[in-house]
Amino acid sequence: MLIKKTTLAAVMTVLVASPVVAQSSMEHSGHMQGSMADHMDVMQTMMHSMDHLPSTGNADADFLLMMIPHHQSAIDMAKVELEQGEDPETREMAEKIISAQQDEITGMKAMLDRLGFEAPE
């Protein structure tokens, strides 16, 4: 059992660290420019907000609290696409993402309220 937990911990560490390593590598090599940098800024904002969420001790509430910034980052990335993208099909997808994710955030906030927890602003 200890080996499995150790292996799981190692895998989780790699998964969590991979985006940070990739970002650091891109920044140092000068390849992160334009919209990619803007998308990474959105991801950094999401990770920062998720890192500062206190646990409620309730698995349902914690899930919802973590999903709200995740969905907000999808909205923010779609807005970058609408500001910078040119492909009509991709822009249409971005608009659909914004609408769907806003609806889901509204639903998650309602669930948190029903569970007796305050949703983040």
C-alpha atoms as a PDB file:
ATOM      1  CA  MET A   1       0.000   0.000   0.000  1.00  0.00           C
ATOM      2  CA  LEU A   2       2.869   2.398   0.825  1.00  0.00           C
ATOM      3  CA  ILE A   3       4.364   1.880  -2.632  1.00  0.00           C
ATOM      4  CA  LYS A   4       1.064   2.734  -4.290  1.00  0.00           C
ATOM      5  CA  LYS A   5       0.682   5.916  -2.229  1.00  0.00           C
ATOM      6  CA  THR A   6       4.272   6.907  -2.989  1.00  0.00           C
ATOM      7  CA  THR A   7       3.760   6.260  -6.686  1.00  0.00           C
ATOM      8  CA  LEU A   8       0.521   8.238  -6.667  1.00  0.00           C
ATOM      9  CA  ALA A   9       2.231  11.115  -4.878  1.00  0.00           C
ATOM     10  CA  ALA A  10       5.038  11.114  -7.446  1.00  0.00           C
ATOM     11  CA  VAL A  11       2.612  11.085 -10.362  1.00  0.00           C
ATOM     12  CA  MET A  12       0.570  13.918  -8.842  1.00  0.00           C
ATOM     13  CA  THR A  13       3.731  15.963  -8.292  1.00  0.00           C
ATOM     14  CA  VAL A  14       4.693  15.558 -11.949  1.00  0.00           C
ATOM     15  CA  LEU A  15       1.209  16.464 -13.137  1.00  0.00           C
ATOM     16  CA  VAL A  16       1.021  19.562 -10.970  1.00  0.00           C
ATOM     17  CA  ALA A  17       4.564  20.685 -11.786  1.00  0.00           C
ATOM     18  CA  SER A  18       4.390  20.054 -15.555  1.00  0.00           C
ATOM     19  CA  PRO A  19       2.556  23.283 -16.509  1.00  0.00           C
ATOM     20  CA  VAL A  20       4.907  25.333 -14.330  1.00  0.00           C
ATOM     21  CA  VAL A  21       7.970  23.701 -15.873  1.00  0.00           C
ATOM     22  CA  ALA A  22       6.556  24.123 -19.379  1.00  0.00           C
ATOM     23  CA  GLN A  23       5.774  27.776 -18.753  1.00  0.00           C
ATOM     24  CA  SER A  24       9.179  28.444 -17.250  1.00  0.00           C
ATOM     25  CA  SER A  25      10.848  26.720 -20.185  1.00  0.00           C
ATOM     26  CA  MET A  26       8.856  28.742 -22.728  1.00  0.00           C
ATOM     27  CA  GLU A  27       9.541  32.024 -20.945  1.00  0.00           C
ATOM     28  CA  HIS A  28      13.258  31.401 -20.791  1.00  0.00           C
ATOM     29  CA  SER A  29      13.477  30.325 -24.418  1.00  0.00           C
ATOM     30  CA  GLY A  30      11.548  33.400 -25.562  1.00  0.00           C
ATOM     31  CA  HIS A  31       8.842  31.365 -27.290  1.00  0.00           C
ATOM     32  CA  MET A  32       5.917  32.606 -25.221  1.00  0.00           C
ATOM     33  CA  GLN A  33       4.473  35.549 -27.061  1.00  0.00           C
ATOM     34  CA  GLY A  34       1.151  37.113 -27.934  1.00  0.00           C
ATOM     35  CA  SER A  35      -1.956  35.115 -27.229  1.00  0.00           C
ATOM     36  CA  MET A  36      -0.069  32.195 -25.645  1.00  0.00           C
ATOM     37  CA  ALA A  37       1.313  34.558 -23.010  1.00  0.00           C
ATOM     38  CA  ASP A  38      -2.174  35.964 -22.500  1.00  0.00           C
ATOM     39  CA  HIS A  39      -3.622  32.458 -22.092  1.00  0.00           C
ATOM     40  CA  MET A  40      -0.884  31.584 -19.606  1.00  0.00           C
ATOM     41  CA  ASP A  41      -1.691  34.763 -17.650  1.00  0.00           C
ATOM     42  CA  VAL A  42      -5.279  33.515 -17.396  1.00  0.00           C
ATOM     43  CA  MET A  43      -4.049  30.135 -16.165  1.00  0.00           C
ATOM     44  CA  GLN A  44      -1.777  31.792 -13.585  1.00  0.00           C
ATOM     45  CA  THR A  45      -4.710  33.835 -12.292  1.00  0.00           C
ATOM     46  CA  MET A  46      -6.791  30.665 -11.989  1.00  0.00           C
ATOM     47  CA  MET A  47      -4.063  28.793 -10.137  1.00  0.00           C
ATOM     48  CA  HIS A  48      -3.495  31.732  -7.791  1.00  0.00           C
ATOM     49  CA  SER A  49      -7.179  31.945  -6.910  1.00  0.00           C
ATOM     50  CA  MET A  50      -7.416  28.173  -6.408  1.00  0.00           C
ATOM     51  CA  ASP A  51      -4.266  28.128  -4.250  1.00  0.00           C
ATOM     52  CA  HIS A  52      -5.841  30.622  -1.856  1.00  0.00           C
ATOM     53  CA  LEU A  53      -9.161  28.843  -1.328  1.00  0.00           C
ATOM     54  CA  PRO A  54      -9.528  27.486   2.179  1.00  0.00           C
ATOM     55  CA  SER A  55     -10.981  24.004   2.482  1.00  0.00           C
ATOM     56  CA  THR A  56     -14.513  23.911   3.845  1.00  0.00           C
ATOM     57  CA  GLY A  57     -14.190  20.301   4.984  1.00  0.00           C
ATOM     58  CA  ASN A  58     -17.154  19.484   2.740  1.00  0.00           C
ATOM     59  CA  ALA A  59     -16.188  17.549  -0.393  1.00  0.00           C
ATOM     60  CA  ASP A  60     -19.134  18.872  -2.404  1.00  0.00           C
ATOM     61  CA  ALA A  61     -18.498  22.507  -1.503  1.00  0.00           C
ATOM     62  CA  ASP A  62     -14.745  22.187  -2.056  1.00  0.00           C
ATOM     63  CA  PHE A  63     -15.361  20.693  -5.508  1.00  0.00           C
ATOM     64  CA  LEU A  64     -17.688  23.536  -6.461  1.00  0.00           C
ATOM     65  CA  LEU A  65     -15.352  26.177  -5.034  1.00  0.00           C
ATOM     66  CA  MET A  66     -12.464  24.800  -7.113  1.00  0.00           C
ATOM     67  CA  MET A  67     -14.548  24.465 -10.265  1.00  0.00           C
ATOM     68  CA  ILE A  68     -15.715  28.085 -10.294  1.00  0.00           C
ATOM     69  CA  PRO A  69     -12.240  29.582 -10.989  1.00  0.00           C
ATOM     70  CA  HIS A  70     -11.587  26.724 -13.414  1.00  0.00           C
ATOM     71  CA  HIS A  71     -14.703  27.662 -15.400  1.00  0.00           C
ATOM     72  CA  GLN A  72     -13.904  31.369 -15.082  1.00  0.00           C
ATOM     73  CA  SER A  73     -10.512  30.725 -16.657  1.00  0.00           C
ATOM     74  CA  ALA A  74     -12.252  29.087 -19.625  1.00  0.00           C
ATOM     75  CA  ILE A  75     -14.335  32.250 -19.997  1.00  0.00           C
ATOM     76  CA  ASP A  76     -11.256  34.453 -19.745  1.00  0.00           C
ATOM     77  CA  MET A  77      -9.347  32.357 -22.299  1.00  0.00           C
ATOM     78  CA  ALA A  78     -12.330  32.521 -24.659  1.00  0.00           C
ATOM     79  CA  LYS A  79     -12.312  36.315 -24.283  1.00  0.00           C
ATOM     80  CA  VAL A  80      -8.650  36.338 -25.340  1.00  0.00           C
ATOM     81  CA  GLU A  81      -9.686  34.375 -28.417  1.00  0.00           C
ATOM     82  CA  LEU A  82     -12.413  36.899 -29.208  1.00  0.00           C
ATOM     83  CA  GLU A  83      -9.938  39.764 -28.820  1.00  0.00           C
ATOM     84  CA  GLN A  84      -7.125  38.200 -30.823  1.00  0.00           C
ATOM     85  CA  GLY A  85      -8.454  35.319 -32.890  1.00  0.00           C
ATOM     86  CA  GLU A  86      -9.516  35.552 -36.509  1.00  0.00           C
ATOM     87  CA  ASP A  87     -10.955  32.152 -37.405  1.00  0.00           C
ATOM     88  CA  PRO A  88     -14.767  32.423 -37.441  1.00  0.00           C
ATOM     89  CA  GLU A  89     -15.307  28.833 -36.278  1.00  0.00           C
ATOM     90  CA  THR A  90     -12.901  29.206 -33.359  1.00  0.00           C
ATOM     91  CA  ARG A  91     -14.449  32.548 -32.402  1.00  0.00           C
ATOM     92  CA  GLU A  92     -17.902  30.937 -32.490  1.00  0.00           C
ATOM     93  CA  MET A  93     -16.651  28.186 -30.186  1.00  0.00           C
ATOM     94  CA  ALA A  94     -15.265  30.841 -27.822  1.00  0.00           C
ATOM     95  CA  GLU A  95     -18.671  32.517 -27.682  1.00  0.00           C
ATOM     96  CA  LYS A  96     -20.340  29.190 -26.894  1.00  0.00           C
ATOM     97  CA  ILE A  97     -17.774  28.485 -24.174  1.00  0.00           C
ATOM     98  CA  ILE A  98     -18.454  31.858 -22.551  1.00  0.00           C
ATOM     99  CA  SER A  99     -22.195  31.251 -22.497  1.00  0.00           C
ATOM    100  CA  ALA A 100     -21.982  27.658 -21.266  1.00  0.00           C
ATOM    101  CA  GLN A 101     -19.381  28.346 -18.585  1.00  0.00           C
ATOM    102  CA  GLN A 102     -21.296  31.374 -17.275  1.00  0.00           C
ATOM    103  CA  ASP A 103     -24.402  29.207 -16.971  1.00  0.00           C
ATOM    104  CA  GLU A 104     -22.441  26.513 -15.145  1.00  0.00           C
ATOM    105  CA  ILE A 105     -20.889  29.026 -12.739  1.00  0.00           C
ATOM    106  CA  THR A 106     -24.371  30.358 -11.956  1.00  0.00           C
ATOM    107  CA  GLY A 107     -25.506  26.791 -11.252  1.00  0.00           C
ATOM    108  CA  MET A 108     -22.497  26.031  -9.059  1.00  0.00           C
ATOM    109  CA  LYS A 109     -23.062  29.193  -7.024  1.00  0.00           C
ATOM    110  CA  ALA A 110     -26.687  28.157  -6.515  1.00  0.00           C
ATOM    111  CA  MET A 111     -25.550  24.709  -5.356  1.00  0.00           C
ATOM    112  CA  LEU A 112     -23.099  26.266  -2.904  1.00  0.00           C
ATOM    113  CA  ASP A 113     -25.883  28.447  -1.538  1.00  0.00           C
ATOM    114  CA  ARG A 114     -28.131  25.401  -1.167  1.00  0.00           C
ATOM    115  CA  LEU A 115     -25.310  23.622   0.705  1.00  0.00           C
ATOM    116  CA  GLY A 116     -24.920  26.632   3.010  1.00  0.00           C
ATOM    117  CA  PHE A 117     -21.608  27.936   1.663  1.00  0.00           C
ATOM    118  CA  GLU A 118     -20.765  31.321   0.245  1.00  0.00           C
ATOM    119  CA  ALA A 119     -19.614  31.457  -3.360  1.00  0.00           C
ATOM    120  CA  PRO A 120     -16.592  33.548  -4.308  1.00  0.00           C
ATOM    121  CA  GLU A 121     -17.178  36.814  -6.144  1.00  0.00           C
END
